[in-house]
Amino acid sequence: MEAWSTVLALVVLVVDIVAIIQVWRSRIEAGRKIIWSLVIVLVPVVGLIMWLMAAGRHARVRL
């Protein structure tokens, strides 16, 4: 059971790092980049889901 939690934590970490890289490669303002990065770091799973919803292909809002 402990091995699964370690694997899940590593997967979340890798996906969060990829999301932060995508945030910093995007064309949004620096202030929004900082805010998105903090959200992803402070609440990893929820922040990642929020970023995917806001920046995905079918996003309805403009970052």
PDB file of N, CA and C in Angstrom:
ATOM      1  N   MET A   1       0.816  -1.193   0.000  1.00  0.00           N
ATOM      2  CA  MET A   1       0.000   0.000   0.000  1.00  0.00           C
ATOM      3  C   MET A   1       0.861   1.259   0.000  1.00  0.00           C
ATOM      4  N   GLU A   2       1.953   1.224   0.736  1.00  0.00           N
ATOM      5  CA  GLU A   2       2.839   2.379   0.807  1.00  0.00           C
ATOM      6  C   GLU A   2       3.508   2.659  -0.535  1.00  0.00           C
ATOM      7  N   ALA A   3       3.780   1.619  -1.283  1.00  0.00           N
ATOM      8  CA  ALA A   3       4.408   1.791  -2.586  1.00  0.00           C
ATOM      9  C   ALA A   3       3.485   2.550  -3.537  1.00  0.00           C
ATOM     10  N   TRP A   4       2.188   2.272  -3.473  1.00  0.00           N
ATOM     11  CA  TRP A   4       1.233   2.969  -4.339  1.00  0.00           C
ATOM     12  C   TRP A   4       1.152   4.446  -4.011  1.00  0.00           C
ATOM     13  N   SER A   5       1.192   4.770  -2.739  1.00  0.00           N
ATOM     14  CA  SER A   5       1.124   6.184  -2.371  1.00  0.00           C
ATOM     15  C   SER A   5       2.383   6.928  -2.815  1.00  0.00           C
ATOM     16  N   THR A   6       3.525   6.263  -2.767  1.00  0.00           N
ATOM     17  CA  THR A   6       4.761   6.871  -3.233  1.00  0.00           C
ATOM     18  C   THR A   6       4.711   7.100  -4.737  1.00  0.00           C
ATOM     19  N   VAL A   7       4.227   6.131  -5.465  1.00  0.00           N
ATOM     20  CA  VAL A   7       4.113   6.262  -6.913  1.00  0.00           C
ATOM     21  C   VAL A   7       3.130   7.374  -7.261  1.00  0.00           C
ATOM     22  N   LEU A   8       2.002   7.423  -6.575  1.00  0.00           N
ATOM     23  CA  LEU A   8       1.006   8.465  -6.820  1.00  0.00           C
ATOM     24  C   LEU A   8       1.570   9.851  -6.513  1.00  0.00           C
ATOM     25  N   ALA A   9       2.320   9.966  -5.433  1.00  0.00           N
ATOM     26  CA  ALA A   9       2.938  11.251  -5.082  1.00  0.00           C
ATOM     27  C   ALA A   9       3.942  11.680  -6.146  1.00  0.00           C
ATOM     28  N   LEU A  10       4.720  10.757  -6.662  1.00  0.00           N
ATOM     29  CA  LEU A  10       5.685  11.081  -7.718  1.00  0.00           C
ATOM     30  C   LEU A  10       4.983  11.494  -9.008  1.00  0.00           C
ATOM     31  N   VAL A  11       3.898  10.830  -9.335  1.00  0.00           N
ATOM     32  CA  VAL A  11       3.141  11.184 -10.537  1.00  0.00           C
ATOM     33  C   VAL A  11       2.579  12.596 -10.401  1.00  0.00           C
ATOM     34  N   VAL A  12       2.005  12.903  -9.246  1.00  0.00           N
ATOM     35  CA  VAL A  12       1.466  14.247  -9.011  1.00  0.00           C
ATOM     36  C   VAL A  12       2.586  15.280  -9.098  1.00  0.00           C
ATOM     37  N   LEU A  13       3.735  14.992  -8.526  1.00  0.00           N
ATOM     38  CA  LEU A  13       4.866  15.910  -8.572  1.00  0.00           C
ATOM     39  C   LEU A  13       5.310  16.181 -10.007  1.00  0.00           C
ATOM     40  N   VAL A  14       5.448  15.136 -10.795  1.00  0.00           N
ATOM     41  CA  VAL A  14       5.893  15.293 -12.186  1.00  0.00           C
ATOM     42  C   VAL A  14       4.865  16.092 -12.987  1.00  0.00           C
ATOM     43  N   VAL A  15       3.596  15.778 -12.818  1.00  0.00           N
ATOM     44  CA  VAL A  15       2.549  16.483 -13.560  1.00  0.00           C
ATOM     45  C   VAL A  15       2.488  17.953 -13.131  1.00  0.00           C
ATOM     46  N   ASP A  16       2.671  18.221 -11.845  1.00  0.00           N
ATOM     47  CA  ASP A  16       2.699  19.602 -11.373  1.00  0.00           C
ATOM     48  C   ASP A  16       3.879  20.375 -11.959  1.00  0.00           C
ATOM     49  N   ILE A  17       5.030  19.750 -12.039  1.00  0.00           N
ATOM     50  CA  ILE A  17       6.195  20.407 -12.633  1.00  0.00           C
ATOM     51  C   ILE A  17       5.939  20.722 -14.103  1.00  0.00           C
ATOM     52  N   VAL A  18       5.341  19.781 -14.811  1.00  0.00           N
ATOM     53  CA  VAL A  18       5.002  20.021 -16.219  1.00  0.00           C
ATOM     54  C   VAL A  18       4.007  21.170 -16.338  1.00  0.00           C
ATOM     55  N   ALA A  19       3.023  21.216 -15.449  1.00  0.00           N
ATOM     56  CA  ALA A  19       2.032  22.298 -15.482  1.00  0.00           C
ATOM     57  C   ALA A  19       2.691  23.651 -15.219  1.00  0.00           C
ATOM     58  N   ILE A  20       3.609  23.712 -14.267  1.00  0.00           N
ATOM     59  CA  ILE A  20       4.294  24.969 -13.970  1.00  0.00           C
ATOM     60  C   ILE A  20       5.150  25.407 -15.163  1.00  0.00           C
ATOM     61  N   ILE A  21       5.795  24.456 -15.813  1.00  0.00           N
ATOM     62  CA  ILE A  21       6.568  24.795 -17.011  1.00  0.00           C
ATOM     63  C   ILE A  21       5.644  25.356 -18.091  1.00  0.00           C
ATOM     64  N   GLN A  22       4.487  24.749 -18.250  1.00  0.00           N
ATOM     65  CA  GLN A  22       3.527  25.250 -19.236  1.00  0.00           C
ATOM     66  C   GLN A  22       3.029  26.644 -18.880  1.00  0.00           C
ATOM     67  N   VAL A  23       2.836  26.894 -17.601  1.00  0.00           N
ATOM     68  CA  VAL A  23       2.419  28.230 -17.165  1.00  0.00           C
ATOM     69  C   VAL A  23       3.472  29.252 -17.578  1.00  0.00           C
ATOM     70  N   TRP A  24       4.723  28.968 -17.313  1.00  0.00           N
ATOM     71  CA  TRP A  24       5.790  29.933 -17.602  1.00  0.00           C
ATOM     72  C   TRP A  24       6.098  30.048 -19.086  1.00  0.00           C
ATOM     73  N   ARG A  25       5.686  29.077 -19.896  1.00  0.00           N
ATOM     74  CA  ARG A  25       5.866  29.171 -21.342  1.00  0.00           C
ATOM     75  C   ARG A  25       4.692  29.870 -22.018  1.00  0.00           C
ATOM     76  N   SER A  26       3.620  30.087 -21.281  1.00  0.00           N
ATOM     77  CA  SER A  26       2.437  30.708 -21.875  1.00  0.00           C
ATOM     78  C   SER A  26       2.645  32.211 -22.044  1.00  0.00           C
ATOM     79  N   ARG A  27       1.715  32.839 -22.737  1.00  0.00           N
ATOM     80  CA  ARG A  27       1.838  34.256 -23.048  1.00  0.00           C
ATOM     81  C   ARG A  27       1.089  35.156 -22.069  1.00  0.00           C
ATOM     82  N   ILE A  28       0.748  34.664 -20.910  1.00  0.00           N
ATOM     83  CA  ILE A  28       0.039  35.491 -19.937  1.00  0.00           C
ATOM     84  C   ILE A  28       1.032  36.392 -19.203  1.00  0.00           C
ATOM     85  N   GLU A  29       0.497  37.395 -18.502  1.00  0.00           N
ATOM     86  CA  GLU A  29       1.356  38.351 -17.799  1.00  0.00           C
ATOM     87  C   GLU A  29       2.118  37.661 -16.659  1.00  0.00           C
ATOM     88  N   ALA A  30       3.215  38.271 -16.254  1.00  0.00           N
ATOM     89  CA  ALA A  30       4.072  37.696 -15.213  1.00  0.00           C
ATOM     90  C   ALA A  30       3.334  37.541 -13.892  1.00  0.00           C
ATOM     91  N   GLY A  31       2.475  38.486 -13.552  1.00  0.00           N
ATOM     92  CA  GLY A  31       1.726  38.389 -12.300  1.00  0.00           C
ATOM     93  C   GLY A  31       0.815  37.179 -12.263  1.00  0.00           C
ATOM     94  N   ARG A  32       0.160  36.911 -13.379  1.00  0.00           N
ATOM     95  CA  ARG A  32      -0.708  35.729 -13.452  1.00  0.00           C
ATOM     96  C   ARG A  32       0.106  34.442 -13.443  1.00  0.00           C
ATOM     97  N   LYS A  33       1.289  34.483 -14.035  1.00  0.00           N
ATOM     98  CA  LYS A  33       2.158  33.306 -13.998  1.00  0.00           C
ATOM     99  C   LYS A  33       2.539  32.972 -12.567  1.00  0.00           C
ATOM    100  N   ILE A  34       2.858  33.998 -11.797  1.00  0.00           N
ATOM    101  CA  ILE A  34       3.230  33.782 -10.394  1.00  0.00           C
ATOM    102  C   ILE A  34       2.048  33.218  -9.609  1.00  0.00           C
ATOM    103  N   ILE A  35       0.868  33.797  -9.828  1.00  0.00           N
ATOM    104  CA  ILE A  35      -0.318  33.325  -9.107  1.00  0.00           C
ATOM    105  C   ILE A  35      -0.633  31.880  -9.467  1.00  0.00           C
ATOM    106  N   TRP A  36      -0.631  31.548 -10.751  1.00  0.00           N
ATOM    107  CA  TRP A  36      -0.906  30.174 -11.161  1.00  0.00           C
ATOM    108  C   TRP A  36       0.141  29.214 -10.593  1.00  0.00           C
ATOM    109  N   SER A  37       1.392  29.612 -10.606  1.00  0.00           N
ATOM    110  CA  SER A  37       2.448  28.752 -10.059  1.00  0.00           C
ATOM    111  C   SER A  37       2.226  28.507  -8.573  1.00  0.00           C
ATOM    112  N   LEU A  38       1.865  29.551  -7.837  1.00  0.00           N
ATOM    113  CA  LEU A  38       1.601  29.388  -6.406  1.00  0.00           C
ATOM    114  C   LEU A  38       0.405  28.489  -6.162  1.00  0.00           C
ATOM    115  N   VAL A  39      -0.642  28.646  -6.948  1.00  0.00           N
ATOM    116  CA  VAL A  39      -1.821  27.792  -6.779  1.00  0.00           C
ATOM    117  C   VAL A  39      -1.455  26.335  -7.024  1.00  0.00           C
ATOM    118  N   ILE A  40      -0.689  26.082  -8.068  1.00  0.00           N
ATOM    119  CA  ILE A  40      -0.305  24.703  -8.388  1.00  0.00           C
ATOM    120  C   ILE A  40       0.601  24.122  -7.306  1.00  0.00           C
ATOM    121  N   VAL A  41       1.488  24.931  -6.745  1.00  0.00           N
ATOM    122  CA  VAL A  41       2.403  24.439  -5.711  1.00  0.00           C
ATOM    123  C   VAL A  41       1.685  24.238  -4.373  1.00  0.00           C
ATOM    124  N   LEU A  42       0.824  25.178  -3.999  1.00  0.00           N
ATOM    125  CA  LEU A  42       0.186  25.117  -2.684  1.00  0.00           C
ATOM    126  C   LEU A  42      -0.940  24.097  -2.601  1.00  0.00           C
ATOM    127  N   VAL A  43      -1.685  23.919  -3.664  1.00  0.00           N
ATOM    128  CA  VAL A  43      -2.738  22.899  -3.706  1.00  0.00           C
ATOM    129  C   VAL A  43      -2.550  22.081  -4.989  1.00  0.00           C
ATOM    130  N   PRO A  44      -1.642  21.128  -4.955  1.00  0.00           N
ATOM    131  CA  PRO A  44      -1.179  20.460  -6.172  1.00  0.00           C
ATOM    132  C   PRO A  44      -2.284  19.849  -7.037  1.00  0.00           C
ATOM    133  N   VAL A  45      -3.135  19.041  -6.477  1.00  0.00           N
ATOM    134  CA  VAL A  45      -4.133  18.353  -7.292  1.00  0.00           C
ATOM    135  C   VAL A  45      -5.219  19.328  -7.752  1.00  0.00           C
ATOM    136  N   VAL A  46      -5.737  20.112  -6.826  1.00  0.00           N
ATOM    137  CA  VAL A  46      -6.789  21.075  -7.164  1.00  0.00           C
ATOM    138  C   VAL A  46      -6.246  22.146  -8.103  1.00  0.00           C
ATOM    139  N   GLY A  47      -5.047  22.640  -7.838  1.00  0.00           N
ATOM    140  CA  GLY A  47      -4.439  23.644  -8.702  1.00  0.00           C
ATOM    141  C   GLY A  47      -4.222  23.126 -10.105  1.00  0.00           C
ATOM    142  N   LEU A  48      -3.809  21.878 -10.218  1.00  0.00           N
ATOM    143  CA  LEU A  48      -3.610  21.272 -11.531  1.00  0.00           C
ATOM    144  C   LEU A  48      -4.930  21.156 -12.283  1.00  0.00           C
ATOM    145  N   ILE A  49      -5.971  20.721 -11.602  1.00  0.00           N
ATOM    146  CA  ILE A  49      -7.282  20.610 -12.237  1.00  0.00           C
ATOM    147  C   ILE A  49      -7.773  21.983 -12.671  1.00  0.00           C
ATOM    148  N   MET A  50      -7.596  22.982 -11.817  1.00  0.00           N
ATOM    149  CA  MET A  50      -8.003  24.339 -12.179  1.00  0.00           C
ATOM    150  C   MET A  50      -7.244  24.826 -13.410  1.00  0.00           C
ATOM    151  N   TRP A  51      -5.949  24.584 -13.457  1.00  0.00           N
ATOM    152  CA  TRP A  51      -5.152  25.014 -14.601  1.00  0.00           C
ATOM    153  C   TRP A  51      -5.607  24.305 -15.876  1.00  0.00           C
ATOM    154  N   LEU A  52      -5.858  23.009 -15.783  1.00  0.00           N
ATOM    155  CA  LEU A  52      -6.309  22.273 -16.962  1.00  0.00           C
ATOM    156  C   LEU A  52      -7.643  22.795 -17.473  1.00  0.00           C
ATOM    157  N   MET A  53      -8.532  23.142 -16.556  1.00  0.00           N
ATOM    158  CA  MET A  53      -9.828  23.674 -16.963  1.00  0.00           C
ATOM    159  C   MET A  53      -9.684  25.069 -17.567  1.00  0.00           C
ATOM    160  N   ALA A  54      -8.806  25.875 -17.031  1.00  0.00           N
ATOM    161  CA  ALA A  54      -8.646  27.252 -17.498  1.00  0.00           C
ATOM    162  C   ALA A  54      -7.805  27.353 -18.772  1.00  0.00           C
ATOM    163  N   ALA A  55      -6.869  26.450 -18.962  1.00  0.00           N
ATOM    164  CA  ALA A  55      -5.951  26.564 -20.088  1.00  0.00           C
ATOM    165  C   ALA A  55      -6.110  25.468 -21.130  1.00  0.00           C
ATOM    166  N   GLY A  56      -7.044  24.579 -20.918  1.00  0.00           N
ATOM    167  CA  GLY A  56      -7.231  23.471 -21.853  1.00  0.00           C
ATOM    168  C   GLY A  56      -7.737  23.919 -23.208  1.00  0.00           C
ATOM    169  N   ARG A  57      -7.829  23.001 -24.112  1.00  0.00           N
ATOM    170  CA  ARG A  57      -8.267  23.297 -25.475  1.00  0.00           C
ATOM    171  C   ARG A  57      -9.680  23.843 -25.519  1.00  0.00           C
ATOM    172  N   HIS A  58     -10.504  23.376 -24.624  1.00  0.00           N
ATOM    173  CA  HIS A  58     -11.903  23.776 -24.613  1.00  0.00           C
ATOM    174  C   HIS A  58     -12.197  24.799 -23.518  1.00  0.00           C
ATOM    175  N   ALA A  59     -11.199  25.548 -23.145  1.00  0.00           N
ATOM    176  CA  ALA A  59     -11.354  26.527 -22.072  1.00  0.00           C
ATOM    177  C   ALA A  59     -12.334  27.625 -22.495  1.00  0.00           C
ATOM    178  N   ARG A  60     -13.162  28.024 -21.566  1.00  0.00           N
ATOM    179  CA  ARG A  60     -14.144  29.063 -21.852  1.00  0.00           C
ATOM    180  C   ARG A  60     -13.715  30.412 -21.331  1.00  0.00           C
ATOM    181  N   VAL A  61     -12.630  30.441 -20.562  1.00  0.00           N
ATOM    182  CA  VAL A  61     -12.137  31.712 -20.049  1.00  0.00           C
ATOM    183  C   VAL A  61     -10.771  31.978 -20.636  1.00  0.00           C
ATOM    184  N   ARG A  62     -10.412  33.235 -20.697  1.00  0.00           N
ATOM    185  CA  ARG A  62      -9.089  33.607 -21.198  1.00  0.00           C
ATOM    186  C   ARG A  62      -8.195  33.898 -20.008  1.00  0.00           C
ATOM    187  N   LEU A  63      -7.051  33.273 -19.978  1.00  0.00           N
ATOM    188  CA  LEU A  63      -6.116  33.547 -18.886  1.00  0.00           C
ATOM    189  C   LEU A  63      -5.512  34.855 -19.166  1.00  0.00           C
TER     190      LEU A  63
END
